[in-house]
């Protein structure tokens, strides 16, 4: 999941609390914005479909 989020530019990897606070401050101040083409519904559906396929595969065993 981390790779997916990072590859879409929708998340950030931080190494410390101070780095997380700095990043959150930049987001709140509007210095960092998500790409305009970002569609949360599309990605949420992809994630849901992926989990459902895994569940169905497990139940068939």
PDB file of N, CA and C in Angstrom:
ATOM      1  N   UNK A   1       0.824  -1.179   0.000  1.00  0.00           N
ATOM      2  CA  UNK A   1       0.000   0.000   0.000  1.00  0.00           C
ATOM      3  C   UNK A   1       0.878   1.256   0.000  1.00  0.00           C
ATOM      4  N   UNK A   2       1.943   1.226   0.772  1.00  0.00           N
ATOM      5  CA  UNK A   2       2.828   2.399   0.827  1.00  0.00           C
ATOM      6  C   UNK A   2       3.371   2.734  -0.550  1.00  0.00           C
ATOM      7  N   UNK A   3       3.801   1.722  -1.285  1.00  0.00           N
ATOM      8  CA  UNK A   3       4.348   1.962  -2.624  1.00  0.00           C
ATOM      9  C   UNK A   3       3.313   2.607  -3.538  1.00  0.00           C
ATOM     10  N   UNK A   4       2.066   2.141  -3.449  1.00  0.00           N
ATOM     11  CA  UNK A   4       0.998   2.690  -4.281  1.00  0.00           C
ATOM     12  C   UNK A   4       0.780   4.168  -3.961  1.00  0.00           C
ATOM     13  N   UNK A   5       0.646   4.478  -2.682  1.00  0.00           N
ATOM     14  CA  UNK A   5       0.388   5.862  -2.265  1.00  0.00           C
ATOM     15  C   UNK A   5       1.535   6.769  -2.678  1.00  0.00           C
ATOM     16  N   UNK A   6       2.756   6.333  -2.445  1.00  0.00           N
ATOM     17  CA  UNK A   6       3.918   7.148  -2.800  1.00  0.00           C
ATOM     18  C   UNK A   6       4.049   7.295  -4.314  1.00  0.00           C
ATOM     19  N   UNK A   7       3.771   6.234  -5.051  1.00  0.00           N
ATOM     20  CA  UNK A   7       3.913   6.291  -6.515  1.00  0.00           C
ATOM     21  C   UNK A   7       2.920   7.251  -7.157  1.00  0.00           C
ATOM     22  N   UNK A   8       1.788   7.470  -6.510  1.00  0.00           N
ATOM     23  CA  UNK A   8       0.773   8.393  -7.024  1.00  0.00           C
ATOM     24  C   UNK A   8       0.993   9.816  -6.519  1.00  0.00           C
ATOM     25  N   UNK A   9       2.010  10.015  -5.700  1.00  0.00           N
ATOM     26  CA  UNK A   9       2.277  11.344  -5.168  1.00  0.00           C
ATOM     27  C   UNK A   9       1.248  11.779  -4.142  1.00  0.00           C
ATOM     28  N   UNK A  10       0.618  10.819  -3.471  1.00  0.00           N
ATOM     29  CA  UNK A  10      -0.460  11.126  -2.538  1.00  0.00           C
ATOM     30  C   UNK A  10      -0.056  10.987  -1.084  1.00  0.00           C
ATOM     31  N   UNK A  11       1.168  10.624  -0.852  1.00  0.00           N
ATOM     32  CA  UNK A  11       1.622  10.448   0.518  1.00  0.00           C
ATOM     33  C   UNK A  11       3.067  10.856   0.644  1.00  0.00           C
ATOM     34  N   UNK A  12       3.525  10.861   1.858  1.00  0.00           N
ATOM     35  CA  UNK A  12       4.881  11.292   2.136  1.00  0.00           C
ATOM     36  C   UNK A  12       5.514  10.352   3.145  1.00  0.00           C
ATOM     37  N   UNK A  13       6.780  10.109   2.985  1.00  0.00           N
ATOM     38  CA  UNK A  13       7.523   9.292   3.930  1.00  0.00           C
ATOM     39  C   UNK A  13       8.373  10.233   4.775  1.00  0.00           C
ATOM     40  N   UNK A  14       8.236  10.123   6.083  1.00  0.00           N
ATOM     41  CA  UNK A  14       8.996  10.975   6.982  1.00  0.00           C
ATOM     42  C   UNK A  14       9.823  10.095   7.915  1.00  0.00           C
ATOM     43  N   UNK A  15      10.897  10.660   8.391  1.00  0.00           N
ATOM     44  CA  UNK A  15      11.822   9.915   9.238  1.00  0.00           C
ATOM     45  C   UNK A  15      11.768  10.329  10.703  1.00  0.00           C
ATOM     46  N   UNK A  16      11.069  11.429  10.991  1.00  0.00           N
ATOM     47  CA  UNK A  16      11.041  11.895  12.380  1.00  0.00           C
ATOM     48  C   UNK A  16       9.759  12.681  12.636  1.00  0.00           C
ATOM     49  N   UNK A  17       9.503  12.910  13.919  1.00  0.00           N
ATOM     50  CA  UNK A  17       8.336  13.697  14.303  1.00  0.00           C
ATOM     51  C   UNK A  17       8.481  15.122  13.783  1.00  0.00           C
ATOM     52  N   UNK A  18       9.663  15.693  13.901  1.00  0.00           N
ATOM     53  CA  UNK A  18       9.850  17.076  13.440  1.00  0.00           C
ATOM     54  C   UNK A  18       9.647  17.182  11.932  1.00  0.00           C
ATOM     55  N   UNK A  19      10.052  16.166  11.195  1.00  0.00           N
ATOM     56  CA  UNK A  19       9.833  16.158   9.746  1.00  0.00           C
ATOM     57  C   UNK A  19       8.336  16.076   9.438  1.00  0.00           C
ATOM     58  N   UNK A  20       7.593  15.280  10.221  1.00  0.00           N
ATOM     59  CA  UNK A  20       6.148  15.155  10.029  1.00  0.00           C
ATOM     60  C   UNK A  20       5.446  16.479  10.340  1.00  0.00           C
ATOM     61  N   UNK A  21       5.877  17.145  11.410  1.00  0.00           N
ATOM     62  CA  UNK A  21       5.283  18.435  11.780  1.00  0.00           C
ATOM     63  C   UNK A  21       5.563  19.463  10.691  1.00  0.00           C
ATOM     64  N   UNK A  22       6.791  19.502  10.184  1.00  0.00           N
ATOM     65  CA  UNK A  22       7.145  20.436   9.113  1.00  0.00           C
ATOM     66  C   UNK A  22       6.293  20.174   7.872  1.00  0.00           C
ATOM     67  N   UNK A  23       6.132  18.925   7.518  1.00  0.00           N
ATOM     68  CA  UNK A  23       5.346  18.560   6.353  1.00  0.00           C
ATOM     69  C   UNK A  23       3.879  18.943   6.541  1.00  0.00           C
ATOM     70  N   UNK A  24       3.324  18.639   7.710  1.00  0.00           N
ATOM     71  CA  UNK A  24       1.929  18.991   7.988  1.00  0.00           C
ATOM     72  C   UNK A  24       1.728  20.505   7.915  1.00  0.00           C
ATOM     73  N   UNK A  25       2.678  21.256   8.429  1.00  0.00           N
ATOM     74  CA  UNK A  25       2.601  22.713   8.377  1.00  0.00           C
ATOM     75  C   UNK A  25       2.599  23.213   6.936  1.00  0.00           C
ATOM     76  N   UNK A  26       3.446  22.621   6.107  1.00  0.00           N
ATOM     77  CA  UNK A  26       3.504  23.013   4.697  1.00  0.00           C
ATOM     78  C   UNK A  26       2.197  22.686   3.974  1.00  0.00           C
ATOM     79  N   UNK A  27       1.582  21.557   4.310  1.00  0.00           N
ATOM     80  CA  UNK A  27       0.300  21.188   3.702  1.00  0.00           C
ATOM     81  C   UNK A  27      -0.788  22.169   4.140  1.00  0.00           C
ATOM     82  N   UNK A  28      -0.849  22.464   5.435  1.00  0.00           N
ATOM     83  CA  UNK A  28      -1.853  23.394   5.965  1.00  0.00           C
ATOM     84  C   UNK A  28      -1.690  24.776   5.349  1.00  0.00           C
ATOM     85  N   UNK A  29      -0.461  25.200   5.153  1.00  0.00           N
ATOM     86  CA  UNK A  29      -0.189  26.526   4.583  1.00  0.00           C
ATOM     87  C   UNK A  29      -0.373  26.576   3.068  1.00  0.00           C
ATOM     88  N   UNK A  30      -0.707  25.439   2.457  1.00  0.00           N
ATOM     89  CA  UNK A  30      -0.949  25.406   1.020  1.00  0.00           C
ATOM     90  C   UNK A  30       0.320  25.354   0.179  1.00  0.00           C
ATOM     91  N   UNK A  31       1.453  25.101   0.815  1.00  0.00           N
ATOM     92  CA  UNK A  31       2.714  25.008   0.073  1.00  0.00           C
ATOM     93  C   UNK A  31       2.816  23.695  -0.696  1.00  0.00           C
ATOM     94  N   UNK A  32       2.078  22.701  -0.243  1.00  0.00           N
ATOM     95  CA  UNK A  32       2.046  21.401  -0.908  1.00  0.00           C
ATOM     96  C   UNK A  32       0.585  21.104  -1.234  1.00  0.00           C
ATOM     97  N   UNK A  33       0.304  20.823  -2.500  1.00  0.00           N
ATOM     98  CA  UNK A  33      -1.056  20.486  -2.917  1.00  0.00           C
ATOM     99  C   UNK A  33      -1.025  19.186  -3.714  1.00  0.00           C
ATOM    100  N   UNK A  34      -2.133  18.478  -3.656  1.00  0.00           N
ATOM    101  CA  UNK A  34      -2.222  17.240  -4.419  1.00  0.00           C
ATOM    102  C   UNK A  34      -2.370  17.560  -5.900  1.00  0.00           C
ATOM    103  N   UNK A  35      -1.972  16.646  -6.747  1.00  0.00           N
ATOM    104  CA  UNK A  35      -2.131  16.875  -8.189  1.00  0.00           C
ATOM    105  C   UNK A  35      -3.603  17.109  -8.534  1.00  0.00           C
ATOM    106  N   UNK A  36      -3.887  18.048  -9.435  1.00  0.00           N
ATOM    107  CA  UNK A  36      -5.286  18.337  -9.777  1.00  0.00           C
ATOM    108  C   UNK A  36      -6.016  17.144 -10.398  1.00  0.00           C
ATOM    109  N   UNK A  37      -5.293  16.223 -10.999  1.00  0.00           N
ATOM    110  CA  UNK A  37      -5.935  15.066 -11.624  1.00  0.00           C
ATOM    111  C   UNK A  37      -6.263  13.971 -10.610  1.00  0.00           C
ATOM    112  N   UNK A  38      -5.968  14.195  -9.348  1.00  0.00           N
ATOM    113  CA  UNK A  38      -6.226  13.201  -8.313  1.00  0.00           C
ATOM    114  C   UNK A  38      -7.717  12.969  -8.149  1.00  0.00           C
ATOM    115  N   UNK A  39      -8.129  11.710  -8.221  1.00  0.00           N
ATOM    116  CA  UNK A  39      -9.531  11.329  -8.061  1.00  0.00           C
ATOM    117  C   UNK A  39      -9.616  10.273  -6.963  1.00  0.00           C
ATOM    118  N   UNK A  40      -9.954  10.704  -5.757  1.00  0.00           N
ATOM    119  CA  UNK A  40      -9.996   9.796  -4.613  1.00  0.00           C
ATOM    120  C   UNK A  40     -10.958   8.640  -4.841  1.00  0.00           C
ATOM    121  N   UNK A  41     -12.093   8.886  -5.468  1.00  0.00           N
ATOM    122  CA  UNK A  41     -13.066   7.815  -5.708  1.00  0.00           C
ATOM    123  C   UNK A  41     -12.469   6.705  -6.565  1.00  0.00           C
ATOM    124  N   UNK A  42     -11.729   7.097  -7.596  1.00  0.00           N
ATOM    125  CA  UNK A  42     -11.132   6.103  -8.489  1.00  0.00           C
ATOM    126  C   UNK A  42     -10.146   5.211  -7.728  1.00  0.00           C
ATOM    127  N   UNK A  43      -9.275   5.822  -6.949  1.00  0.00           N
ATOM    128  CA  UNK A  43      -8.287   5.041  -6.218  1.00  0.00           C
ATOM    129  C   UNK A  43      -8.922   4.221  -5.101  1.00  0.00           C
ATOM    130  N   UNK A  44      -9.938   4.774  -4.442  1.00  0.00           N
ATOM    131  CA  UNK A  44     -10.633   4.028  -3.397  1.00  0.00           C
ATOM    132  C   UNK A  44     -11.307   2.794  -3.993  1.00  0.00           C
ATOM    133  N   UNK A  45     -11.892   2.934  -5.174  1.00  0.00           N
ATOM    134  CA  UNK A  45     -12.521   1.787  -5.831  1.00  0.00           C
ATOM    135  C   UNK A  45     -11.483   0.735  -6.196  1.00  0.00           C
ATOM    136  N   UNK A  46     -10.333   1.157  -6.691  1.00  0.00           N
ATOM    137  CA  UNK A  46      -9.275   0.210  -7.038  1.00  0.00           C
ATOM    138  C   UNK A  46      -8.815  -0.561  -5.802  1.00  0.00           C
ATOM    139  N   UNK A  47      -8.642   0.149  -4.694  1.00  0.00           N
ATOM    140  CA  UNK A  47      -8.198  -0.503  -3.458  1.00  0.00           C
ATOM    141  C   UNK A  47      -9.267  -1.470  -2.965  1.00  0.00           C
ATOM    142  N   UNK A  48     -10.530  -1.031  -2.972  1.00  0.00           N
ATOM    143  CA  UNK A  48     -11.636  -1.888  -2.538  1.00  0.00           C
ATOM    144  C   UNK A  48     -11.704  -3.149  -3.404  1.00  0.00           C
ATOM    145  N   UNK A  49     -11.624  -2.978  -4.715  1.00  0.00           N
ATOM    146  CA  UNK A  49     -11.684  -4.121  -5.626  1.00  0.00           C
ATOM    147  C   UNK A  49     -10.536  -5.088  -5.382  1.00  0.00           C
ATOM    148  N   UNK A  50      -9.374  -4.554  -5.095  1.00  0.00           N
ATOM    149  CA  UNK A  50      -8.214  -5.394  -4.821  1.00  0.00           C
ATOM    150  C   UNK A  50      -8.442  -6.221  -3.555  1.00  0.00           C
ATOM    151  N   UNK A  51      -8.891  -5.569  -2.482  1.00  0.00           N
ATOM    152  CA  UNK A  51      -9.156  -6.291  -1.235  1.00  0.00           C
ATOM    153  C   UNK A  51     -10.260  -7.322  -1.418  1.00  0.00           C
ATOM    154  N   UNK A  52     -11.315  -6.968  -2.141  1.00  0.00           N
ATOM    155  CA  UNK A  52     -12.399  -7.920  -2.363  1.00  0.00           C
ATOM    156  C   UNK A  52     -11.927  -9.138  -3.137  1.00  0.00           C
ATOM    157  N   UNK A  53     -11.063  -8.943  -4.115  1.00  0.00           N
ATOM    158  CA  UNK A  53     -10.557 -10.092  -4.879  1.00  0.00           C
ATOM    159  C   UNK A  53      -9.710 -10.996  -3.989  1.00  0.00           C
ATOM    160  N   UNK A  54      -8.936 -10.395  -3.087  1.00  0.00           N
ATOM    161  CA  UNK A  54      -8.136 -11.202  -2.167  1.00  0.00           C
ATOM    162  C   UNK A  54      -9.041 -12.006  -1.231  1.00  0.00           C
ATOM    163  N   UNK A  55     -10.091 -11.361  -0.718  1.00  0.00           N
ATOM    164  CA  UNK A  55     -11.025 -12.044   0.189  1.00  0.00           C
ATOM    165  C   UNK A  55     -11.711 -13.194  -0.533  1.00  0.00           C
ATOM    166  N   UNK A  56     -12.176 -12.948  -1.748  1.00  0.00           N
ATOM    167  CA  UNK A  56     -12.840 -14.008  -2.515  1.00  0.00           C
ATOM    168  C   UNK A  56     -11.885 -15.165  -2.795  1.00  0.00           C
ATOM    169  N   UNK A  57     -10.638 -14.838  -3.095  1.00  0.00           N
ATOM    170  CA  UNK A  57      -9.635 -15.878  -3.358  1.00  0.00           C
ATOM    171  C   UNK A  57      -9.397 -16.722  -2.104  1.00  0.00           C
ATOM    172  N   UNK A  58      -9.328 -16.087  -0.959  1.00  0.00           N
ATOM    173  CA  UNK A  58      -9.102 -16.799   0.296  1.00  0.00           C
ATOM    174  C   UNK A  58     -10.299 -17.684   0.630  1.00  0.00           C
ATOM    175  N   UNK A  59     -11.504 -17.167   0.423  1.00  0.00           N
ATOM    176  CA  UNK A  59     -12.706 -17.927   0.757  1.00  0.00           C
ATOM    177  C   UNK A  59     -12.892 -19.130  -0.146  1.00  0.00           C
ATOM    178  N   UNK A  60     -12.348 -19.073  -1.350  1.00  0.00           N
ATOM    179  CA  UNK A  60     -12.491 -20.207  -2.262  1.00  0.00           C
ATOM    180  C   UNK A  60     -11.569 -21.357  -1.902  1.00  0.00           C
ATOM    181  N   UNK A  61     -10.578 -21.123  -1.057  1.00  0.00           N
ATOM    182  CA  UNK A  61      -9.635 -22.199  -0.692  1.00  0.00           C
ATOM    183  C   UNK A  61     -10.235 -23.215   0.200  1.00  0.00           C
TER     184      UNK A  61
END
